[in-house]
Amino acid sequence: MKIFATIRFYWGAFVISFNTAVFMIPALMLFGKYKSTIVHHINRMTLFMMGGKLAQEGIMDTNVDMYLMNHQGIVDIIGLEALQNNHLRWVAKKELFEAPWFGNLLRHGEMISLDRQNKAGLIKLIKDVKASKEVYHRPVAIFPEGTRTDKQPLLPFKKGSKIIAEKLELRVQPIVITGSKWVLNEHIKTGHSGTVKYTFLPSFSVKGDDESWFETLRNDMQKVIDDEFNNNHCSR
């Protein structure tokens, strides 16, 4: 029933906010040396409390410079952090860094701020990604759609991640996320117990002379989403 799904949504939102404010931010401030482990374990606890489970297909390449993934909602991040412990640097819009609780989380986690309204934002992002590779030695995680989608088709990919990958000649890996919108849907405010699946497609090194790689990547990701949808629909 819709009422139970709505209750689960607000329970999930409470769990995320509470665990972030009470456990994760203080732990990051006090035990900064163990940031990756803290984020990993608290997100595992958060997903469990929400009734979420994890599934994985393919292998995560821990040697890449950038992960490119589709975006359904905040559970995308929670689930991936719960699945692995590779100390990612997430790219998030500047406004989130100014938000209560989550802004502190992003700042203490040394995540990357993106100012979409500033023309110099892309230049800063290139510098930040370069520093992630050469100084922090941490892979960058980015949503090329730029925002969450509540539909099955992927939104058009922003060109920023393509420009960065080509300019810095990065090694990238596409990740397709399915099921997170079922666990917590921020568009229609519903929640359910369910499985968030992460499909790791083959990684590759970006070469400037291959202008079709970005569109090919998007098409490959869309195919996985369509196949998952069809398989789940047929099994019901």
C-alpha atoms as a PDB file:
ATOM      1  CA  MET A   1       0.000   0.000   0.000  1.00  0.00           C
ATOM      2  CA  LYS A   2       1.122   3.544  -0.756  1.00  0.00           C
ATOM      3  CA  ILE A   3       0.900   4.634   2.891  1.00  0.00           C
ATOM      4  CA  PHE A   4       3.477   2.043   3.970  1.00  0.00           C
ATOM      5  CA  ALA A   5       5.773   3.016   1.105  1.00  0.00           C
ATOM      6  CA  THR A   6       5.502   6.652   2.196  1.00  0.00           C
ATOM      7  CA  ILE A   7       6.290   5.745   5.810  1.00  0.00           C
ATOM      8  CA  ARG A   8       9.324   3.797   4.651  1.00  0.00           C
ATOM      9  CA  PHE A   9      10.504   6.805   2.665  1.00  0.00           C
ATOM     10  CA  TYR A  10      10.468   9.058   5.722  1.00  0.00           C
ATOM     11  CA  TRP A  11      12.085   6.330   7.798  1.00  0.00           C
ATOM     12  CA  GLY A  12      14.859   6.054   5.222  1.00  0.00           C
ATOM     13  CA  ALA A  13      15.334   9.822   5.120  1.00  0.00           C
ATOM     14  CA  PHE A  14      15.535   9.884   8.929  1.00  0.00           C
ATOM     15  CA  VAL A  15      18.072   7.054   9.026  1.00  0.00           C
ATOM     16  CA  ILE A  16      20.305   8.781   6.476  1.00  0.00           C
ATOM     17  CA  SER A  17      20.167  12.135   8.259  1.00  0.00           C
ATOM     18  CA  PHE A  18      20.582  10.666  11.751  1.00  0.00           C
ATOM     19  CA  ASN A  19      23.507   8.398  10.908  1.00  0.00           C
ATOM     20  CA  THR A  20      25.211  11.204   8.999  1.00  0.00           C
ATOM     21  CA  ALA A  21      24.824  13.792  11.758  1.00  0.00           C
ATOM     22  CA  VAL A  22      25.324  11.594  14.831  1.00  0.00           C
ATOM     23  CA  PHE A  23      27.835   9.012  13.655  1.00  0.00           C
ATOM     24  CA  MET A  24      29.579   9.845  10.398  1.00  0.00           C
ATOM     25  CA  ILE A  25      30.455  13.542  10.728  1.00  0.00           C
ATOM     26  CA  PRO A  26      31.793  13.283  14.324  1.00  0.00           C
ATOM     27  CA  ALA A  27      33.770  10.160  13.403  1.00  0.00           C
ATOM     28  CA  LEU A  28      35.326  11.887  10.390  1.00  0.00           C
ATOM     29  CA  MET A  29      36.263  14.884  12.548  1.00  0.00           C
ATOM     30  CA  LEU A  30      37.793  12.769  15.310  1.00  0.00           C
ATOM     31  CA  PHE A  31      39.352   9.954  13.326  1.00  0.00           C
ATOM     32  CA  GLY A  32      40.231  11.543   9.986  1.00  0.00           C
ATOM     33  CA  LYS A  33      42.962   8.999   9.365  1.00  0.00           C
ATOM     34  CA  TYR A  34      40.303   6.323   8.863  1.00  0.00           C
ATOM     35  CA  LYS A  35      37.875   8.271   6.680  1.00  0.00           C
ATOM     36  CA  SER A  36      37.369   5.585   4.073  1.00  0.00           C
ATOM     37  CA  THR A  37      36.695   2.841   6.619  1.00  0.00           C
ATOM     38  CA  ILE A  38      34.302   5.064   8.587  1.00  0.00           C
ATOM     39  CA  VAL A  39      32.289   5.964   5.494  1.00  0.00           C
ATOM     40  CA  HIS A  40      32.207   2.332   4.371  1.00  0.00           C
ATOM     41  CA  HIS A  41      30.916   0.824   7.614  1.00  0.00           C
ATOM     42  CA  ILE A  42      28.392   3.529   8.480  1.00  0.00           C
ATOM     43  CA  ASN A  43      26.900   3.353   4.995  1.00  0.00           C
ATOM     44  CA  ARG A  44      26.600  -0.422   5.330  1.00  0.00           C
ATOM     45  CA  MET A  45      24.692   0.124   8.560  1.00  0.00           C
ATOM     46  CA  THR A  46      22.509   2.807   6.959  1.00  0.00           C
ATOM     47  CA  LEU A  47      21.561   0.623   4.004  1.00  0.00           C
ATOM     48  CA  PHE A  48      20.777  -2.302   6.315  1.00  0.00           C
ATOM     49  CA  MET A  49      18.506  -0.124   8.482  1.00  0.00           C
ATOM     50  CA  MET A  50      16.657   0.991   5.344  1.00  0.00           C
ATOM     51  CA  GLY A  51      16.033  -2.601   4.273  1.00  0.00           C
ATOM     52  CA  GLY A  52      18.455  -2.444   1.375  1.00  0.00           C
ATOM     53  CA  LYS A  53      20.734  -5.191   0.093  1.00  0.00           C
ATOM     54  CA  LEU A  54      23.599  -5.136  -2.392  1.00  0.00           C
ATOM     55  CA  ALA A  55      24.300  -7.085  -5.573  1.00  0.00           C
ATOM     56  CA  GLN A  56      27.314  -6.826  -7.852  1.00  0.00           C
ATOM     57  CA  GLU A  57      28.023  -7.887 -11.408  1.00  0.00           C
ATOM     58  CA  GLY A  58      31.462  -7.494 -12.909  1.00  0.00           C
ATOM     59  CA  ILE A  59      34.618  -6.382 -11.127  1.00  0.00           C
ATOM     60  CA  MET A  60      35.429  -2.931  -9.841  1.00  0.00           C
ATOM     61  CA  ASP A  61      38.747  -1.766 -11.277  1.00  0.00           C
ATOM     62  CA  THR A  62      40.520  -0.118  -8.346  1.00  0.00           C
ATOM     63  CA  ASN A  63      43.204   1.343 -10.624  1.00  0.00           C
ATOM     64  CA  VAL A  64      40.980   3.726 -12.582  1.00  0.00           C
ATOM     65  CA  ASP A  65      41.017   7.502 -12.199  1.00  0.00           C
ATOM     66  CA  MET A  66      37.289   8.114 -12.665  1.00  0.00           C
ATOM     67  CA  TYR A  67      34.038   6.214 -12.253  1.00  0.00           C
ATOM     68  CA  LEU A  68      31.105   7.334 -14.414  1.00  0.00           C
ATOM     69  CA  MET A  69      27.643   6.231 -13.287  1.00  0.00           C
ATOM     70  CA  ASN A  70      23.953   6.887 -13.750  1.00  0.00           C
ATOM     71  CA  HIS A  71      22.105   8.717 -10.992  1.00  0.00           C
ATOM     72  CA  GLN A  72      18.805   7.693  -9.388  1.00  0.00           C
ATOM     73  CA  GLY A  73      19.171   9.189  -5.909  1.00  0.00           C
ATOM     74  CA  ILE A  74      21.173   9.373  -2.711  1.00  0.00           C
ATOM     75  CA  VAL A  75      21.072   5.585  -2.281  1.00  0.00           C
ATOM     76  CA  ASP A  76      23.411   5.375  -5.295  1.00  0.00           C
ATOM     77  CA  ILE A  77      26.173   6.848  -3.136  1.00  0.00           C
ATOM     78  CA  ILE A  78      25.263   5.020   0.059  1.00  0.00           C
ATOM     79  CA  GLY A  79      25.224   1.678  -1.707  1.00  0.00           C
ATOM     80  CA  LEU A  80      28.504   2.122  -3.569  1.00  0.00           C
ATOM     81  CA  GLU A  81      30.289   3.274  -0.421  1.00  0.00           C
ATOM     82  CA  ALA A  82      28.820   0.257   1.399  1.00  0.00           C
ATOM     83  CA  LEU A  83      29.928  -2.070  -1.393  1.00  0.00           C
ATOM     84  CA  GLN A  84      33.577  -1.045  -1.533  1.00  0.00           C
ATOM     85  CA  ASN A  85      36.241   0.771   0.474  1.00  0.00           C
ATOM     86  CA  ASN A  86      38.381   2.576  -2.100  1.00  0.00           C
ATOM     87  CA  HIS A  87      38.185   6.119  -0.666  1.00  0.00           C
ATOM     88  CA  LEU A  88      36.367   7.793  -3.537  1.00  0.00           C
ATOM     89  CA  ARG A  89      36.148  11.545  -4.131  1.00  0.00           C
ATOM     90  CA  TRP A  90      32.592  12.371  -5.163  1.00  0.00           C
ATOM     91  CA  VAL A  91      31.822  15.370  -7.359  1.00  0.00           C
ATOM     92  CA  ALA A  92      28.835  17.287  -5.948  1.00  0.00           C
ATOM     93  CA  LYS A  93      27.215  20.588  -6.787  1.00  0.00           C
ATOM     94  CA  LYS A  94      28.368  23.558  -4.753  1.00  0.00           C
ATOM     95  CA  GLU A  95      24.968  24.042  -3.106  1.00  0.00           C
ATOM     96  CA  LEU A  96      25.273  20.715  -1.286  1.00  0.00           C
ATOM     97  CA  PHE A  97      28.452  21.904   0.431  1.00  0.00           C
ATOM     98  CA  GLU A  98      26.416  24.711   1.982  1.00  0.00           C
ATOM     99  CA  ALA A  99      23.681  22.401   3.329  1.00  0.00           C
ATOM    100  CA  PRO A 100      23.485  21.486   7.041  1.00  0.00           C
ATOM    101  CA  TRP A 101      25.001  18.125   7.945  1.00  0.00           C
ATOM    102  CA  PHE A 102      25.693  16.980   4.394  1.00  0.00           C
ATOM    103  CA  GLY A 103      27.840  20.028   3.730  1.00  0.00           C
ATOM    104  CA  ASN A 104      30.011  19.089   6.703  1.00  0.00           C
ATOM    105  CA  LEU A 105      30.166  15.531   5.454  1.00  0.00           C
ATOM    106  CA  LEU A 106      31.346  16.610   2.010  1.00  0.00           C
ATOM    107  CA  ARG A 107      33.921  19.037   3.375  1.00  0.00           C
ATOM    108  CA  HIS A 108      35.383  16.625   5.938  1.00  0.00           C
ATOM    109  CA  GLY A 109      35.412  13.904   3.309  1.00  0.00           C
ATOM    110  CA  GLU A 110      37.420  16.179   0.992  1.00  0.00           C
ATOM    111  CA  MET A 111      34.917  15.801  -1.823  1.00  0.00           C
ATOM    112  CA  ILE A 112      34.925  17.979  -4.942  1.00  0.00           C
ATOM    113  CA  SER A 113      32.662  21.028  -5.224  1.00  0.00           C
ATOM    114  CA  LEU A 114      31.268  21.919  -8.647  1.00  0.00           C
ATOM    115  CA  ASP A 115      29.897  25.388  -9.345  1.00  0.00           C
ATOM    116  CA  ARG A 116      27.592  24.934 -12.328  1.00  0.00           C
ATOM    117  CA  GLN A 117      26.746  28.629 -12.535  1.00  0.00           C
ATOM    118  CA  ASN A 118      30.345  29.738 -12.930  1.00  0.00           C
ATOM    119  CA  LYS A 119      32.062  29.433 -16.305  1.00  0.00           C
ATOM    120  CA  ALA A 120      35.313  28.791 -14.465  1.00  0.00           C
ATOM    121  CA  GLY A 121      33.731  25.782 -12.761  1.00  0.00           C
ATOM    122  CA  LEU A 122      35.030  23.353 -15.377  1.00  0.00           C
ATOM    123  CA  ILE A 123      38.577  24.700 -15.063  1.00  0.00           C
ATOM    124  CA  LYS A 124      38.426  24.192 -11.290  1.00  0.00           C
ATOM    125  CA  LEU A 125      37.014  20.697 -11.772  1.00  0.00           C
ATOM    126  CA  ILE A 126      39.874  19.760 -14.095  1.00  0.00           C
ATOM    127  CA  LYS A 127      42.365  20.950 -11.456  1.00  0.00           C
ATOM    128  CA  ASP A 128      40.538  19.057  -8.709  1.00  0.00           C
ATOM    129  CA  VAL A 129      40.458  15.816 -10.683  1.00  0.00           C
ATOM    130  CA  LYS A 130      44.150  16.224 -11.543  1.00  0.00           C
ATOM    131  CA  ALA A 131      44.912  16.687  -7.835  1.00  0.00           C
ATOM    132  CA  SER A 132      42.832  13.599  -7.001  1.00  0.00           C
ATOM    133  CA  LYS A 133      45.026  11.565  -9.309  1.00  0.00           C
ATOM    134  CA  GLU A 134      48.430  13.057  -8.532  1.00  0.00           C
ATOM    135  CA  VAL A 135      48.148  14.309  -4.929  1.00  0.00           C
ATOM    136  CA  TYR A 136      45.350  12.463  -3.133  1.00  0.00           C
ATOM    137  CA  HIS A 137      45.675   9.245  -5.157  1.00  0.00           C
ATOM    138  CA  ARG A 138      41.920   8.812  -4.945  1.00  0.00           C
ATOM    139  CA  PRO A 139      39.565   7.961  -7.817  1.00  0.00           C
ATOM    140  CA  VAL A 140      36.822  10.432  -8.687  1.00  0.00           C
ATOM    141  CA  ALA A 141      33.157   9.407  -8.845  1.00  0.00           C
ATOM    142  CA  ILE A 142      30.886  11.496 -11.048  1.00  0.00           C
ATOM    143  CA  PHE A 143      27.340  11.401 -12.416  1.00  0.00           C
ATOM    144  CA  PRO A 144      27.579  12.600 -16.047  1.00  0.00           C
ATOM    145  CA  GLU A 145      23.804  13.130 -16.183  1.00  0.00           C
ATOM    146  CA  GLY A 146      24.335  15.969 -13.729  1.00  0.00           C
ATOM    147  CA  THR A 147      21.143  15.298 -11.769  1.00  0.00           C
ATOM    148  CA  ARG A 148      18.816  12.514 -10.682  1.00  0.00           C
ATOM    149  CA  THR A 149      16.386  10.953 -13.098  1.00  0.00           C
ATOM    150  CA  ASP A 150      13.047   9.332 -12.249  1.00  0.00           C
ATOM    151  CA  LYS A 151      12.752   7.621 -15.628  1.00  0.00           C
ATOM    152  CA  GLN A 152      14.346   4.580 -17.235  1.00  0.00           C
ATOM    153  CA  PRO A 153      16.087   6.405 -20.119  1.00  0.00           C
ATOM    154  CA  LEU A 154      19.332   8.119 -19.182  1.00  0.00           C
ATOM    155  CA  LEU A 155      19.392  11.880 -19.327  1.00  0.00           C
ATOM    156  CA  PRO A 156      21.834  13.471 -21.804  1.00  0.00           C
ATOM    157  CA  PHE A 157      25.378  13.306 -20.458  1.00  0.00           C
ATOM    158  CA  LYS A 158      27.064  16.598 -19.653  1.00  0.00           C
ATOM    159  CA  LYS A 159      30.259  17.185 -21.616  1.00  0.00           C
ATOM    160  CA  GLY A 160      32.330  18.113 -18.563  1.00  0.00           C
ATOM    161  CA  SER A 161      33.371  14.582 -17.640  1.00  0.00           C
ATOM    162  CA  LYS A 162      34.254  13.857 -21.292  1.00  0.00           C
ATOM    163  CA  ILE A 163      36.450  16.945 -21.524  1.00  0.00           C
ATOM    164  CA  ILE A 164      38.208  16.127 -18.258  1.00  0.00           C
ATOM    165  CA  ALA A 165      38.832  12.484 -19.138  1.00  0.00           C
ATOM    166  CA  GLU A 166      40.283  13.423 -22.527  1.00  0.00           C
ATOM    167  CA  LYS A 167      42.404  16.323 -21.294  1.00  0.00           C
ATOM    168  CA  LEU A 168      43.931  14.323 -18.427  1.00  0.00           C
ATOM    169  CA  GLU A 169      43.934  11.027 -20.386  1.00  0.00           C
ATOM    170  CA  LEU A 170      42.187   9.223 -17.552  1.00  0.00           C
ATOM    171  CA  ARG A 171      41.387   5.578 -17.119  1.00  0.00           C
ATOM    172  CA  VAL A 172      37.631   5.348 -16.546  1.00  0.00           C
ATOM    173  CA  GLN A 173      35.084   2.694 -15.639  1.00  0.00           C
ATOM    174  CA  PRO A 174      31.321   2.914 -16.215  1.00  0.00           C
ATOM    175  CA  ILE A 175      29.068   1.718 -13.375  1.00  0.00           C
ATOM    176  CA  VAL A 176      25.375   1.064 -13.913  1.00  0.00           C
ATOM    177  CA  ILE A 177      23.143   1.362 -10.846  1.00  0.00           C
ATOM    178  CA  THR A 178      19.705  -0.263 -10.764  1.00  0.00           C
ATOM    179  CA  GLY A 179      17.266  -0.719  -7.894  1.00  0.00           C
ATOM    180  CA  SER A 180      18.280   2.252  -5.751  1.00  0.00           C
ATOM    181  CA  LYS A 181      15.184   4.199  -6.811  1.00  0.00           C
ATOM    182  CA  TRP A 182      13.032   1.331  -5.523  1.00  0.00           C
ATOM    183  CA  VAL A 183      14.707   1.432  -2.099  1.00  0.00           C
ATOM    184  CA  LEU A 184      14.262   5.204  -1.807  1.00  0.00           C
ATOM    185  CA  ASN A 185      12.498   7.275  -4.458  1.00  0.00           C
ATOM    186  CA  GLU A 186      13.034  10.968  -3.779  1.00  0.00           C
ATOM    187  CA  HIS A 187      10.729  12.048  -6.607  1.00  0.00           C
ATOM    188  CA  ILE A 188       7.517  10.410  -5.393  1.00  0.00           C
ATOM    189  CA  LYS A 189       8.613   9.898  -1.762  1.00  0.00           C
ATOM    190  CA  THR A 190       8.309   6.127  -1.469  1.00  0.00           C
ATOM    191  CA  GLY A 191      10.566   3.494   0.048  1.00  0.00           C
ATOM    192  CA  HIS A 192      10.753  -0.304  -0.058  1.00  0.00           C
ATOM    193  CA  SER A 193      13.057  -3.084   0.963  1.00  0.00           C
ATOM    194  CA  GLY A 194      15.032  -4.236  -2.053  1.00  0.00           C
ATOM    195  CA  THR A 195      18.345  -4.831  -3.732  1.00  0.00           C
ATOM    196  CA  VAL A 196      20.612  -2.180  -5.224  1.00  0.00           C
ATOM    197  CA  LYS A 197      22.673  -3.658  -8.033  1.00  0.00           C
ATOM    198  CA  TYR A 198      25.986  -2.316  -9.304  1.00  0.00           C
ATOM    199  CA  THR A 199      27.105  -3.511 -12.722  1.00  0.00           C
ATOM    200  CA  PHE A 200      30.755  -2.756 -13.420  1.00  0.00           C
ATOM    201  CA  LEU A 201      31.447  -2.494 -17.140  1.00  0.00           C
ATOM    202  CA  PRO A 202      34.992  -2.899 -18.504  1.00  0.00           C
ATOM    203  CA  SER A 203      37.382  -0.049 -17.771  1.00  0.00           C
ATOM    204  CA  PHE A 204      39.433   1.643 -20.473  1.00  0.00           C
ATOM    205  CA  SER A 205      41.902   4.459 -21.012  1.00  0.00           C
ATOM    206  CA  VAL A 206      40.528   7.508 -22.789  1.00  0.00           C
ATOM    207  CA  LYS A 207      42.340   8.576 -25.925  1.00  0.00           C
ATOM    208  CA  GLY A 208      41.766  11.990 -27.442  1.00  0.00           C
ATOM    209  CA  ASP A 209      41.522  10.607 -30.975  1.00  0.00           C
ATOM    210  CA  ASP A 210      38.477   8.443 -30.186  1.00  0.00           C
ATOM    211  CA  GLU A 211      35.623  10.926 -30.277  1.00  0.00           C
ATOM    212  CA  SER A 212      32.881   8.279 -30.044  1.00  0.00           C
ATOM    213  CA  TRP A 213      33.848   6.768 -26.680  1.00  0.00           C
ATOM    214  CA  PHE A 214      31.521   8.934 -24.612  1.00  0.00           C
ATOM    215  CA  GLU A 215      28.414   8.143 -26.655  1.00  0.00           C
ATOM    216  CA  THR A 216      29.365   4.457 -26.796  1.00  0.00           C
ATOM    217  CA  LEU A 217      29.703   4.439 -23.001  1.00  0.00           C
ATOM    218  CA  ARG A 218      26.249   5.964 -22.586  1.00  0.00           C
ATOM    219  CA  ASN A 219      24.704   3.450 -25.003  1.00  0.00           C
ATOM    220  CA  ASP A 220      26.340   0.535 -23.164  1.00  0.00           C
ATOM    221  CA  MET A 221      25.003   1.816 -19.829  1.00  0.00           C
ATOM    222  CA  GLN A 222      21.507   2.285 -21.236  1.00  0.00           C
ATOM    223  CA  LYS A 223      21.515  -1.293 -22.552  1.00  0.00           C
ATOM    224  CA  VAL A 224      22.252  -2.637 -19.064  1.00  0.00           C
ATOM    225  CA  ILE A 225      19.423  -0.544 -17.589  1.00  0.00           C
ATOM    226  CA  ASP A 226      16.981  -1.766 -20.270  1.00  0.00           C
ATOM    227  CA  ASP A 227      18.025  -5.407 -19.796  1.00  0.00           C
ATOM    228  CA  GLU A 228      17.600  -5.171 -16.015  1.00  0.00           C
ATOM    229  CA  PHE A 229      14.166  -3.590 -16.453  1.00  0.00           C
ATOM    230  CA  ASN A 230      13.037  -6.262 -18.908  1.00  0.00           C
ATOM    231  CA  ASN A 231      14.356  -9.114 -16.753  1.00  0.00           C
ATOM    232  CA  ASN A 232      12.663  -7.798 -13.624  1.00  0.00           C
ATOM    233  CA  HIS A 233       9.418  -7.114 -15.496  1.00  0.00           C
ATOM    234  CA  CYS A 234       9.324 -10.616 -16.964  1.00  0.00           C
ATOM    235  CA  SER A 235      10.061 -12.274 -13.620  1.00  0.00           C
ATOM    236  CA  ARG A 236       7.027 -10.685 -11.938  1.00  0.00           C
END
